[in-house]
Protein backbone atom coordinates (compact mmCIF):
# COMPACT_ATOMS: atom_id res chain seq x y z
CA MET A 1 -0.06 0.11 -0.09
CA GLY A 2 1.38 3.33 -1.03
CA ALA A 3 1.73 6.32 1.55
CA GLN A 4 -0.67 8.27 -0.46
CA SER A 5 -3.49 6.33 0.75
CA GLN A 6 -2.27 5.91 4.08
CA ALA A 7 -2.08 9.71 4.71
CA GLY A 8 -5.54 10.11 3.75
CA ASN A 9 -5.32 13.43 1.81
CA GLY A 10 -4.29 14.58 -1.55
CA SER A 11 -1.54 17.05 -0.44
CA GLU A 12 1.98 17.13 -1.69
CA TYR A 13 4.28 14.91 0.34
CA LEU A 14 7.73 15.94 1.15
CA LEU A 15 8.82 12.45 1.47
CA GLU A 16 7.38 9.14 0.55
CA LEU A 17 8.36 5.57 1.14
CA ASN A 18 6.30 2.92 -0.83
CA ASP A 19 6.87 -0.47 -0.13
CA LEU A 20 10.68 0.13 0.69
CA ARG A 21 12.76 -3.16 1.15
CA THR A 22 16.27 -3.13 2.38
CA TYR A 23 18.08 -6.64 2.81
CA PHE A 24 21.32 -7.63 4.30
CA THR A 25 23.34 -10.65 3.15
CA SER A 26 25.15 -12.40 6.08
CA ASP A 27 26.43 -16.15 6.79
CA GLU A 28 23.15 -16.83 8.58
CA GLY A 29 20.96 -15.91 5.44
CA THR A 30 19.28 -12.88 4.16
CA ALA A 31 18.31 -10.36 6.78
CA ARG A 32 14.96 -8.43 5.89
CA ALA A 33 15.59 -5.59 7.97
CA VAL A 34 13.08 -3.54 6.10
CA ASP A 35 10.49 -5.46 4.20
CA GLY A 36 7.77 -3.53 2.52
CA VAL A 37 7.51 -0.18 4.45
CA SER A 38 5.45 2.62 3.48
CA TYR A 39 4.75 5.88 5.05
CA ALA A 40 4.60 9.68 4.21
CA ILE A 41 5.80 13.15 5.64
CA GLU A 42 4.17 16.51 4.72
CA PRO A 43 6.03 19.79 4.83
CA GLY A 44 6.39 21.01 8.22
CA GLN A 45 4.98 17.65 9.64
CA THR A 46 6.74 15.33 12.39
CA LEU A 47 6.37 11.68 11.78
CA GLY A 48 7.26 9.51 14.88
CA VAL A 49 8.62 6.11 13.95
CA VAL A 50 8.36 4.05 16.98
CA GLY A 51 9.23 0.16 17.72
CA GLU A 52 11.51 -1.89 19.83
CA SER A 53 15.10 -2.13 18.63
CA GLY A 54 15.59 -4.38 15.66
CA SER A 55 12.12 -3.25 14.29
CA GLY A 56 13.71 -1.67 11.10
CA LYS A 57 13.38 2.11 12.02
CA SER A 58 16.97 3.17 11.56
CA VAL A 59 17.49 1.00 8.58
CA ALA A 60 14.61 2.82 6.82
CA ALA A 61 15.92 5.99 7.63
CA LEU A 62 19.62 5.06 6.53
CA SER A 63 17.85 3.96 3.22
CA VAL A 64 16.43 7.42 2.70
CA MET A 65 20.02 9.00 3.29
CA GLY A 66 21.57 6.41 0.93
CA LEU A 67 23.84 5.25 3.62
CA ILE A 68 23.30 1.50 3.67
CA PRO A 69 26.68 -0.11 3.37
CA SER A 70 26.96 -2.05 0.24
CA PRO A 71 27.89 -4.94 0.75
CA PRO A 72 26.22 -6.34 2.83
CA GLY A 73 23.19 -4.30 2.53
CA GLU A 74 21.04 -3.21 -0.52
CA VAL A 75 17.74 -1.48 -1.05
CA VAL A 76 16.14 -4.33 -3.22
CA GLY A 77 12.70 -2.75 -3.85
CA GLY A 78 10.28 0.04 -3.38
CA GLU A 79 10.51 3.87 -3.71
CA ILE A 80 11.90 6.75 -1.65
CA ILE A 81 10.03 9.82 -3.27
CA PHE A 82 11.58 13.16 -2.06
CA LYS A 83 9.91 16.31 -3.50
CA GLY A 84 8.48 14.22 -6.30
CA GLU A 85 11.72 12.44 -7.38
CA ASN A 86 12.78 8.86 -6.58
CA LEU A 87 16.04 9.01 -4.58
CA LEU A 88 16.86 5.32 -5.49
CA ALA A 89 17.36 6.53 -8.95
CA LYS A 90 19.82 9.28 -8.07
CA SER A 91 23.65 8.74 -8.68
CA PRO A 92 26.05 8.54 -5.59
CA GLY A 93 27.12 12.14 -6.70
CA GLU A 94 23.62 13.35 -6.77
CA MET A 95 22.89 11.77 -3.35
CA ARG A 96 26.00 13.55 -1.73
CA ARG A 97 24.65 16.84 -2.88
CA ILE A 98 21.18 16.05 -1.30
CA ARG A 99 22.56 14.57 1.84
CA GLY A 100 23.56 17.13 4.53
CA ASN A 101 22.01 19.86 2.31
CA GLU A 102 18.27 19.15 1.58
CA ILE A 103 17.99 15.93 3.96
CA ALA A 104 19.95 15.98 7.19
CA MET A 105 20.33 13.49 10.00
CA ILE A 106 20.94 13.76 13.52
CA PHE A 107 22.48 10.54 14.93
CA GLN A 108 21.75 9.17 18.43
CA GLU A 109 25.30 9.26 19.88
CA PRO A 110 27.01 12.54 19.20
CA MET A 111 30.30 11.24 20.84
CA THR A 112 30.73 8.86 18.02
CA ALA A 113 29.08 10.92 15.42
CA LEU A 114 31.28 13.97 15.85
CA ASN A 115 34.99 13.60 14.77
CA PRO A 116 37.23 13.84 18.08
CA VAL A 117 40.16 15.47 15.96
CA TYR A 118 38.24 18.35 14.48
CA THR A 119 36.93 21.37 16.27
CA VAL A 120 33.02 21.73 16.29
CA GLY A 121 33.46 24.76 14.24
CA ASP A 122 35.31 22.92 11.45
CA GLN A 123 32.62 20.23 11.46
CA ILE A 124 29.86 22.87 10.84
CA MET A 125 32.03 24.76 8.39
CA GLU A 126 32.73 21.67 6.31
CA THR A 127 29.01 21.11 5.63
CA VAL A 128 28.30 24.81 4.42
CA MET A 129 31.57 25.14 2.44
CA LEU A 130 30.84 21.89 0.72
CA HIS A 131 27.12 22.39 0.00
CA ARG A 132 26.85 26.25 -0.26
CA GLY A 133 30.43 26.97 -1.73
CA ILE A 134 31.21 29.87 0.40
CA GLU A 135 34.80 30.73 1.78
CA ARG A 136 36.29 29.83 5.13
CA PRO A 137 35.80 33.33 6.83
CA ALA A 138 32.23 33.47 5.83
CA ALA A 139 31.68 29.59 6.84
CA ARG A 140 33.27 30.40 10.34
CA ALA A 141 30.73 33.27 10.87
CA HIS A 142 27.79 30.93 9.88
CA ALA A 143 29.17 28.28 12.33
CA ILE A 144 29.14 31.02 15.08
CA HIS A 145 25.61 31.94 14.01
CA MET A 146 24.49 28.39 14.06
CA LEU A 147 26.04 27.64 17.63
CA GLU A 148 24.15 30.75 18.89
CA ARG A 149 21.02 29.62 17.03
CA VAL A 150 21.08 26.04 19.11
CA GLY A 151 21.58 27.78 22.41
CA ILE A 152 25.31 27.24 22.91
CA PRO A 153 26.55 30.03 25.35
CA ALA A 154 29.92 31.88 24.26
CA PRO A 155 29.76 30.61 20.66
CA GLU A 156 32.85 32.54 19.67
CA GLN A 157 34.72 30.58 22.07
CA ARG A 158 32.96 27.41 21.56
CA VAL A 159 33.50 27.40 17.83
CA ASP A 160 37.35 26.53 18.50
CA GLU A 161 36.71 23.66 21.01
CA TYR A 162 36.65 19.95 20.40
CA PRO A 163 33.95 17.59 21.15
CA HIS A 164 35.44 16.05 24.43
CA GLN A 165 35.40 19.67 25.94
CA LEU A 166 31.59 19.72 25.72
CA SER A 167 28.79 18.21 27.76
CA GLY A 168 26.63 15.58 26.16
CA GLY A 169 23.62 18.18 25.90
CA MET A 170 26.08 20.65 24.04
CA ARG A 171 27.29 17.90 21.74
CA GLN A 172 23.88 17.02 20.81
CA ARG A 173 23.25 20.85 20.03
CA VAL A 174 26.37 20.68 17.86
CA MET A 175 24.79 17.76 15.95
CA ILE A 176 21.67 19.78 15.46
CA ALA A 177 23.77 22.99 14.30
CA ILE A 178 25.56 20.70 11.76
CA ALA A 179 22.27 19.22 10.56
CA MET A 180 20.43 22.51 10.37
CA SER A 181 23.19 24.57 8.82
CA CYS A 182 22.08 24.34 5.23
CA ASP A 183 18.47 24.78 6.31
CA PRO A 184 17.13 21.27 5.10
CA SER A 185 13.74 20.53 4.10
CA LEU A 186 13.69 17.28 5.99
CA LEU A 187 15.46 16.35 9.17
CA ILE A 188 15.75 12.76 10.28
CA ALA A 189 16.37 12.45 14.15
CA ASP A 190 17.51 9.12 15.25
CA GLU A 191 16.93 8.75 19.01
CA PRO A 192 18.17 12.33 19.44
CA THR A 193 17.76 12.54 23.31
CA THR A 194 18.38 8.84 24.30
CA ALA A 195 21.71 9.56 25.92
CA LEU A 196 20.61 12.76 27.81
CA ASP A 197 19.20 13.47 31.19
CA VAL A 198 15.45 14.32 31.25
CA THR A 199 15.80 18.16 31.66
CA ILE A 200 18.28 18.32 28.57
CA GLN A 201 16.02 16.17 26.84
CA ALA A 202 13.12 18.50 27.07
CA GLN A 203 15.57 21.44 26.11
CA ILE A 204 16.47 19.59 22.99
CA LEU A 205 13.05 18.68 21.83
CA ASP A 206 11.92 22.25 22.54
CA LEU A 207 14.97 23.39 20.38
CA MET A 208 14.04 21.13 17.48
CA ALA A 209 10.55 22.22 17.50
CA GLU A 210 11.50 26.00 17.55
CA LEU A 211 13.97 25.27 14.61
CA GLN A 212 11.27 23.32 12.72
CA ARG A 213 8.59 26.26 13.11
CA GLU A 214 11.23 28.52 11.76
CA ALA A 215 12.22 26.41 8.75
CA GLY A 216 9.02 24.76 7.92
CA MET A 217 10.96 21.44 7.42
CA GLY A 218 9.49 18.00 7.79
CA VAL A 219 10.86 15.80 10.66
CA MET A 220 11.04 11.97 10.89
CA LEU A 221 11.66 11.23 14.63
CA ILE A 222 12.81 7.87 15.34
CA THR A 223 12.36 6.78 18.92
CA HIS A 224 11.19 4.06 21.34
CA ASP A 225 9.91 6.88 23.50
CA LEU A 226 6.19 7.12 23.16
CA ALA A 227 6.13 10.25 25.58
CA VAL A 228 8.33 12.08 23.20
CA VAL A 229 6.05 11.18 20.22
CA ALA A 230 3.04 12.43 22.11
CA GLN A 231 5.06 15.76 22.75
CA VAL A 232 6.14 16.58 19.17
CA ALA A 233 4.60 14.30 16.49
CA GLN A 234 1.35 14.64 14.45
CA ARG A 235 1.50 11.05 12.89
CA VAL A 236 2.99 7.88 14.12
CA ALA A 237 4.20 4.71 12.38
CA VAL A 238 4.47 1.76 14.51
CA MET A 239 7.11 -0.68 13.21
CA TYR A 240 7.65 -4.22 14.03
CA ALA A 241 10.15 -6.93 12.50
CA GLY A 242 10.71 -4.86 9.32
CA LYS A 243 7.16 -3.75 8.74
CA VAL A 244 4.65 -1.09 9.58
CA VAL A 245 1.85 -2.66 11.76
CA GLU A 246 -0.02 0.68 12.54
CA TYR A 247 -0.20 4.00 11.01
CA ALA A 248 -2.29 6.65 12.76
CA ALA A 249 -2.69 10.27 13.73
CA VAL A 250 -0.91 10.71 16.99
CA GLU A 251 -4.18 11.60 19.13
CA GLU A 252 -5.90 8.45 17.70
CA LEU A 253 -2.92 6.06 18.62
CA PHE A 254 -2.77 7.43 22.01
CA GLU A 255 -6.45 7.59 22.85
CA GLU A 256 -6.79 3.81 21.52
CA PRO A 257 -4.06 1.78 20.05
CA ALA A 258 -5.54 -0.71 17.71
CA HIS A 259 -2.74 -3.15 17.11
CA PRO A 260 -1.83 -5.59 19.78
CA TYR A 261 1.85 -4.63 19.39
CA SER A 262 1.08 -0.98 19.87
CA THR A 263 -1.18 -1.90 23.05
CA GLY A 264 1.75 -3.71 24.46
CA LEU A 265 4.13 -0.85 23.98
CA PHE A 266 1.60 1.50 25.88
CA ARG A 267 1.24 -0.84 28.73
CA SER A 268 4.75 -1.22 29.29
CA LEU A 269 5.40 2.32 29.91
CA PRO A 270 4.65 3.94 33.30
CA ASP A 271 3.82 7.20 32.06
CA LEU A 272 1.12 5.82 29.67
CA ALA A 273 -0.24 2.61 31.20
CA GLY A 274 -2.52 4.65 33.50
CA PRO A 275 -2.37 5.48 37.46
CA ASN A 276 -4.19 2.18 38.31
CA GLU A 277 -2.92 -0.26 35.89
CA ARG A 278 -0.10 -2.59 36.52
CA LEU A 279 2.82 -2.47 34.17
CA GLN A 280 2.90 -5.26 31.49
CA THR A 281 5.71 -6.54 29.53
CA ILE A 282 5.57 -7.94 25.89
CA PRO A 283 6.86 -11.52 26.23
CA GLY A 284 9.72 -12.51 24.09
CA MET A 285 11.77 -10.45 21.71
CA VAL A 286 11.88 -9.07 18.22
CA PRO A 287 13.10 -12.03 16.01
CA PRO A 288 16.25 -11.76 14.17
CA ALA A 289 15.71 -10.52 10.66
CA THR A 290 17.12 -13.75 9.07
CA ARG A 291 14.44 -15.65 10.98
CA PHE A 292 11.10 -13.90 10.74
CA PRO A 293 8.31 -16.40 11.45
CA SER A 294 5.54 -17.00 9.02
CA GLY A 295 2.10 -15.23 8.96
CA CYS A 296 1.98 -12.27 11.09
CA ARG A 297 5.50 -11.67 12.71
CA PHE A 298 3.96 -10.69 15.83
CA HIS A 299 1.97 -13.89 16.40
CA PRO A 300 4.70 -15.66 18.67
CA ARG A 301 4.31 -12.72 21.21
CA CYS A 302 0.51 -11.89 20.65
CA PRO A 303 -2.24 -12.79 23.19
CA ILE A 304 -4.90 -13.09 20.54
CA ALA A 305 -3.02 -14.92 17.71
CA THR A 306 -4.77 -17.81 16.05
CA GLU A 307 -3.78 -20.49 13.52
CA ARG A 308 -4.69 -17.85 10.70
CA CYS A 309 -2.26 -15.40 12.21
CA ARG A 310 0.36 -18.16 12.07
CA GLN A 311 -0.26 -18.89 8.32
CA GLU A 312 -1.35 -15.79 6.78
CA GLU A 313 0.44 -12.43 6.70
CA PRO A 314 -2.03 -9.49 7.36
CA LEU A 315 -1.97 -6.60 5.06
CA LEU A 316 -1.83 -3.01 6.25
CA LEU A 317 -5.33 -1.86 5.44
CA PRO A 318 -7.54 1.17 6.27
CA LEU A 319 -9.37 0.81 9.71
CA ALA A 320 -13.12 1.00 9.49
CA GLY A 321 -14.47 4.36 10.78
CA ALA A 322 -11.00 6.04 10.91
CA GLN A 323 -11.20 9.59 9.49
CA THR A 324 -7.43 10.52 9.14
CA GLY A 325 -6.19 7.43 6.89
CA ARG A 326 -5.31 5.27 9.94
CA THR A 327 -4.16 1.79 8.70
CA LEU A 328 -3.64 -1.52 10.59
CA ALA A 329 -2.20 -4.84 9.91
CA CYS A 330 -4.02 -7.24 11.97
CA HIS A 331 -6.64 -10.11 11.22
CA HIS A 332 -8.51 -9.70 14.50
CA ARG A 333 -9.24 -6.07 14.72
CA GLU A 334 -12.31 -6.32 16.81
CA GLU A 335 -10.59 -8.58 19.32
CA ALA A 336 -7.39 -6.23 19.29
CA ALA A 337 -9.78 -3.42 20.11
CA ALA A 338 -10.85 -5.16 23.23
CA LEU A 339 -7.38 -5.72 24.65
């Protein structure tokens, strides 16, 4: 199913993934890390992509960026439509011009994403000099402006410092400064607040929301933290074992999750389970991408699975009565709603 029908309106999308499939070859067989994923982002919109580790969230994002290591990885099918053009048809040179300029990414661990032997200023300057063709003095002035823009104090001093001289929160702000330095149309944020304490998390999310409003950019927010999604996203794609199992407006999902996996995620979190509800865990683990089960991939962990679930893979189909293009991949919609 294409993202057009999922989003439920005829507006122009900034990004569409249509039946995207990204596989990796290993000694254990073919890992179907992303296996038929479709979703869309409108300009100025934030899409939250949630699910446990191993669900394919980050691989889908790296596919958009053209950063899948080959070998062993390869995008084997589907489309990645950005501003009406299929990125999979672009040459490596064309993707280098798009990456960091029109599409930027914030990685989850700034200490490994930042180069320890270059100053933070040099790392911002490199991006703008490459994509904007400006000279070093102008690039330095832009780097200082970007550090100021992301709320780093004394930017004229910090521009000449190295990553190890900055706190975790400041390093994450530098990552955002690098990503935003060319005013991208799409920002992909992969677990941008995971390594930060709660106070700094809130500051970083507020900063991203402010920059998004200023630039009108679309944001793909990859996270396992549903509370973060509730705070910043308009739509949510719930991923499990390489597939989207539920796709909904954030209000609908939080009011009444429809897929058994979505329900399990909510019940396992203290902030979202409800004051009088006992926390529950989802039994088992996400299966390895080389050994996905037949039928519905969630069936070994699902409390309402039947023989049909074990044999027949459910399609991602519109949910009856939904007004906003909500889709669900489950054979037992009524039973799931009663969980």
